[in-house]
C-alpha atoms as a PDB file:
ATOM      1  CA  MET A   1    -132.587 -85.890 105.860  1.00  0.00           C
ATOM      2  CA  LYS A   2    -135.491 -85.921 104.413  1.00  0.00           C
ATOM      3  CA  SER A   3    -134.964 -82.710 102.592  1.00  0.00           C
ATOM      4  CA  LYS A   4    -131.218 -83.301 101.453  1.00  0.00           C
ATOM      5  CA  ILE A   5    -132.908 -86.684  99.605  1.00  0.00           C
ATOM      6  CA  LEU A   6    -135.777 -84.507  98.556  1.00  0.00           C
ATOM      7  CA  ILE A   7    -132.900 -81.837  96.920  1.00  0.00           C
ATOM      8  CA  LEU A   8    -130.669 -84.815  95.631  1.00  0.00           C
ATOM      9  CA  VAL A   9    -133.698 -86.326  93.688  1.00  0.00           C
ATOM     10  CA  SER A  10    -134.800 -82.970  92.651  1.00  0.00           C
ATOM     11  CA  LEU A  11    -131.608 -81.885  91.013  1.00  0.00           C
ATOM     12  CA  ILE A  12    -131.156 -85.406  89.211  1.00  0.00           C
ATOM     13  CA  LEU A  13    -134.682 -85.159  87.527  1.00  0.00           C
ATOM     14  CA  PHE A  14    -133.349 -81.080  86.865  1.00  0.00           C
ATOM     15  CA  ILE A  15    -130.343 -83.103  85.145  1.00  0.00           C
ATOM     16  CA  SER A  16    -131.974 -85.546  83.139  1.00  0.00           C
ATOM     17  CA  CYS A  17    -134.821 -83.530  81.556  1.00  0.00           C
ATOM     18  CA  ASP A  18    -131.985 -81.045  80.432  1.00  0.00           C
ATOM     19  CA  ASN A  19    -130.659 -84.438  78.942  1.00  0.00           C
ATOM     20  CA  ASP A  20    -133.924 -85.513  77.018  1.00  0.00           C
ATOM     21  CA  GLU A  21    -134.635 -81.858  75.924  1.00  0.00           C
ATOM     22  CA  GLU A  22    -131.227 -82.298  74.197  1.00  0.00           C
ATOM     23  CA  SER A  23    -132.006 -85.449  72.791  1.00  0.00           C
ATOM     24  CA  ASN A  24    -135.036 -84.211  71.294  1.00  0.00           C
ATOM     25  CA  LEU A  25    -133.288 -82.157  68.702  1.00  0.00           C
ATOM     26  CA  THR A  26    -134.829 -82.711  65.618  1.00  0.00           C
ATOM     27  CA  GLN A  27    -133.631 -80.034  64.065  1.00  0.00           C
ATOM     28  CA  ILE A  28    -130.313 -78.055  63.501  1.00  0.00           C
ATOM     29  CA  PRO A  29    -130.237 -74.670  64.074  1.00  0.00           C
ATOM     30  CA  ASP A  30    -130.367 -73.448  60.378  1.00  0.00           C
ATOM     31  CA  GLY A  31    -126.615 -71.814  58.667  1.00  0.00           C
ATOM     32  CA  THR A  32    -123.726 -72.165  57.348  1.00  0.00           C
ATOM     33  CA  TYR A  33    -121.037 -75.047  58.794  1.00  0.00           C
ATOM     34  CA  THR A  34    -117.530 -74.848  58.373  1.00  0.00           C
ATOM     35  CA  GLY A  35    -115.245 -77.114  59.195  1.00  0.00           C
ATOM     36  CA  ILE A  36    -112.543 -79.960  58.647  1.00  0.00           C
ATOM     37  CA  PHE A  37    -114.043 -83.758  56.786  1.00  0.00           C
ATOM     38  CA  THR A  38    -111.552 -86.356  58.095  1.00  0.00           C
ATOM     39  CA  VAL A  39    -112.072 -90.353  56.669  1.00  0.00           C
ATOM     40  CA  GLU A  40    -109.300 -92.675  58.024  1.00  0.00           C
ATOM     41  CA  TYR A  41    -109.648 -95.882  56.255  1.00  0.00           C
ATOM     42  CA  SER A  42    -108.972 -98.912  57.755  1.00  0.00           C
ATOM     43  CA  ASN A  43    -105.700 -99.680  56.031  1.00  0.00           C
ATOM     44  CA  GLY A  44    -104.541 -96.589  57.819  1.00  0.00           C
ATOM     45  CA  MET A  45    -105.017 -94.104  54.882  1.00  0.00           C
ATOM     46  CA  THR A  46    -106.108 -90.462  55.961  1.00  0.00           C
ATOM     47  CA  TYR A  47    -107.294 -87.674  53.963  1.00  0.00           C
ATOM     48  CA  SER A  48    -109.194 -84.022  55.023  1.00  0.00           C
ATOM     49  CA  ASN A  49    -110.274 -81.150  53.490  1.00  0.00           C
ATOM     50  CA  SER A  50    -111.954 -78.267  54.104  1.00  0.00           C
ATOM     51  CA  VAL A  51    -116.211 -78.388  54.224  1.00  0.00           C
ATOM     52  CA  THR A  52    -118.968 -76.413  54.633  1.00  0.00           C
ATOM     53  CA  ILE A  53    -123.112 -77.586  55.210  1.00  0.00           C
ATOM     54  CA  ASN A  54    -125.690 -75.441  54.535  1.00  0.00           C
ATOM     55  CA  PHE A  55    -128.731 -76.447  57.018  1.00  0.00           C
ATOM     56  CA  SER A  56    -131.695 -74.530  56.345  1.00  0.00           C
ATOM     57  CA  GLU A  57    -135.209 -75.107  56.702  1.00  0.00           C
ATOM     58  CA  SER A  58    -137.212 -78.428  56.117  1.00  0.00           C
ATOM     59  CA  ASN A  59    -134.617 -80.017  57.404  1.00  0.00           C
ATOM     60  CA  SER A  60    -132.852 -79.709  54.567  1.00  0.00           C
ATOM     61  CA  TYR A  61    -128.525 -79.520  53.720  1.00  0.00           C
ATOM     62  CA  LYS A  62    -126.309 -79.199  50.911  1.00  0.00           C
ATOM     63  CA  SER A  63    -121.989 -80.071  51.456  1.00  0.00           C
ATOM     64  CA  SER A  64    -120.038 -79.009  49.540  1.00  0.00           C
ATOM     65  CA  GLY A  65    -117.322 -81.380  47.860  1.00  0.00           C
ATOM     66  CA  ASN A  66    -115.523 -81.533  44.591  1.00  0.00           C
ATOM     67  CA  GLY A  67    -116.892 -84.616  43.256  1.00  0.00           C
ATOM     68  CA  ASN A  68    -116.097 -83.087  39.695  1.00  0.00           C
ATOM     69  CA  ILE A  69    -112.653 -82.310  39.908  1.00  0.00           C
ATOM     70  CA  ASN A  70    -111.567 -85.630  41.146  1.00  0.00           C
ATOM     71  CA  ASP A  71    -111.276 -85.032  44.742  1.00  0.00           C
ATOM     72  CA  PHE A  72    -113.659 -86.604  46.762  1.00  0.00           C
ATOM     73  CA  TYR A  73    -112.622 -85.669  50.408  1.00  0.00           C
ATOM     74  CA  PRO A  74    -115.330 -85.350  50.335  1.00  0.00           C
ATOM     75  CA  ALA A  75    -117.906 -85.853  48.165  1.00  0.00           C
ATOM     76  CA  GLY A  76    -120.527 -83.024  48.567  1.00  0.00           C
ATOM     77  CA  GLY A  77    -124.394 -84.316  48.913  1.00  0.00           C
ATOM     78  CA  SER A  78    -127.125 -82.651  49.164  1.00  0.00           C
ATOM     79  CA  GLY A  79    -131.219 -83.505  50.156  1.00  0.00           C
ATOM     80  CA  THR A  80    -133.277 -84.234  53.588  1.00  0.00           C
ATOM     81  CA  TYR A  81    -131.935 -85.685  56.649  1.00  0.00           C
ATOM     82  CA  GLU A  82    -133.784 -86.743  60.132  1.00  0.00           C
ATOM     83  CA  MET A  83    -132.829 -86.937  63.842  1.00  0.00           C
ATOM     84  CA  LYS A  84    -133.638 -89.400  66.448  1.00  0.00           C
ATOM     85  CA  GLY A  85    -131.667 -89.539  69.933  1.00  0.00           C
ATOM     86  CA  SER A  86    -127.724 -88.935  69.134  1.00  0.00           C
ATOM     87  CA  LYS A  87    -128.258 -90.503  65.266  1.00  0.00           C
ATOM     88  CA  ILE A  88    -128.965 -88.113  62.428  1.00  0.00           C
ATOM     89  CA  SER A  89    -129.622 -89.499  58.879  1.00  0.00           C
ATOM     90  CA  PHE A  90    -129.164 -87.993  55.565  1.00  0.00           C
ATOM     91  CA  TYR A  91    -130.927 -88.319  52.022  1.00  0.00           C
ATOM     92  CA  ASP A  92    -128.949 -87.637  49.565  1.00  0.00           C
ATOM     93  CA  ILE A  93    -130.831 -87.057  45.916  1.00  0.00           C
ATOM     94  CA  ASN A  94    -128.266 -86.363  43.859  1.00  0.00           C
ATOM     95  CA  THR A  95    -126.914 -88.879  40.801  1.00  0.00           C
ATOM     96  CA  TRP A  96    -123.196 -90.643  41.320  1.00  0.00           C
ATOM     97  CA  LEU A  97    -120.537 -91.778  39.065  1.00  0.00           C
ATOM     98  CA  ALA A  98    -119.039 -95.156  40.645  1.00  0.00           C
ATOM     99  CA  HIS A  99    -115.008 -94.378  40.673  1.00  0.00           C
ATOM    100  CA  PHE A 100    -114.647 -92.870  43.763  1.00  0.00           C
ATOM    101  CA  ASP A 101    -115.716 -94.164  47.696  1.00  0.00           C
ATOM    102  CA  TRP A 102    -119.360 -93.595  47.860  1.00  0.00           C
ATOM    103  CA  ASN A 103    -119.083 -93.283  51.952  1.00  0.00           C
ATOM    104  CA  LEU A 104    -117.781 -89.906  51.209  1.00  0.00           C
ATOM    105  CA  ILE A 105    -120.892 -88.711  50.328  1.00  0.00           C
ATOM    106  CA  LEU A 106    -122.616 -86.857  53.213  1.00  0.00           C
ATOM    107  CA  SER A 107    -125.345 -90.046  53.021  1.00  0.00           C
ATOM    108  CA  GLY A 108    -126.893 -92.403  55.746  1.00  0.00           C
ATOM    109  CA  GLU A 109    -126.470 -91.915  59.343  1.00  0.00           C
ATOM    110  CA  TYR A 110    -124.321 -90.878  61.123  1.00  0.00           C
ATOM    111  CA  ASP A 111    -123.831 -90.166  65.016  1.00  0.00           C
ATOM    112  CA  TYR A 112    -124.013 -86.072  65.488  1.00  0.00           C
ATOM    113  CA  LEU A 113    -122.843 -84.264  68.762  1.00  0.00           C
ATOM    114  CA  MET A 114    -124.181 -80.463  69.148  1.00  0.00           C
ATOM    115  CA  ASN A 115    -121.968 -78.247  71.559  1.00  0.00           C
ATOM    116  CA  GLY A 116    -122.766 -74.562  71.396  1.00  0.00           C
ATOM    117  CA  SER A 117    -122.003 -73.960  67.757  1.00  0.00           C
ATOM    118  CA  GLN A 118    -119.925 -76.743  67.196  1.00  0.00           C
ATOM    119  CA  LEU A 119    -120.981 -79.800  65.451  1.00  0.00           C
ATOM    120  CA  THR A 120    -119.590 -82.701  65.485  1.00  0.00           C
ATOM    121  CA  ILE A 121    -120.734 -85.675  62.485  1.00  0.00           C
ATOM    122  CA  SER A 122    -118.909 -89.103  62.394  1.00  0.00           C
ATOM    123  CA  ALA A 123    -119.806 -93.013  61.701  1.00  0.00           C
ATOM    124  CA  TYR A 124    -117.532 -95.986  61.253  1.00  0.00           C
ATOM    125  CA  LYS A 125    -119.178 -97.182  57.578  1.00  0.00           C
ATOM    126  CA  ASN A 126    -119.263-100.406  55.866  1.00  0.00           C
ATOM    127  CA  ASP A 127    -116.045-101.770  57.796  1.00  0.00           C
ATOM    128  CA  VAL A 128    -114.462 -99.689  55.043  1.00  0.00           C
ATOM    129  CA  GLY A 129    -113.161 -96.270  57.754  1.00  0.00           C
ATOM    130  CA  PHE A 130    -114.280 -93.772  60.117  1.00  0.00           C
ATOM    131  CA  TYR A 131    -115.529 -90.808  58.454  1.00  0.00           C
ATOM    132  CA  LYS A 132    -115.790 -87.146  60.283  1.00  0.00           C
ATOM    133  CA  TYR A 133    -117.090 -83.686  60.240  1.00  0.00           C
ATOM    134  CA  GLU A 134    -115.882 -81.517  62.929  1.00  0.00           C
ATOM    135  CA  LEU A 135    -118.026 -77.905  61.798  1.00  0.00           C
ATOM    136  CA  THR A 136    -118.440 -74.449  63.366  1.00  0.00           C
ATOM    137  CA  LYS A 137    -121.321 -72.297  62.561  1.00  0.00           C
ATOM    138  CA  GLU A 138    -120.521 -69.319  61.030  1.00  0.00           C
END
């Protein structure tokens, strides 16, 4: 009986240590991630478009977007990011005009899930809508 309890306790410790390692991720693995950006607004309107995000050294990022040709789904963004637990915060360094939904800029705090080469970044922002990036590392 004691050996079964010891095995169970060892298994629980092993699983919890494995989960702690993933939640302590401090940087997205460098590379290019491509996929789909989708925003679902509170009024029911939904927009999607392709997106590319490049992650590189020093926790920097650059997100594609067509902000200059009036298609802001997504707008883009670039700068640095910081990860804590299951949250990722983006700090955009660009100057933007005020004629579109600024939540379309990859900036601010999001939830993230990294599963192998799959990366999902999402947030419900400012009671406006749900913003989601579904990406795969190239």
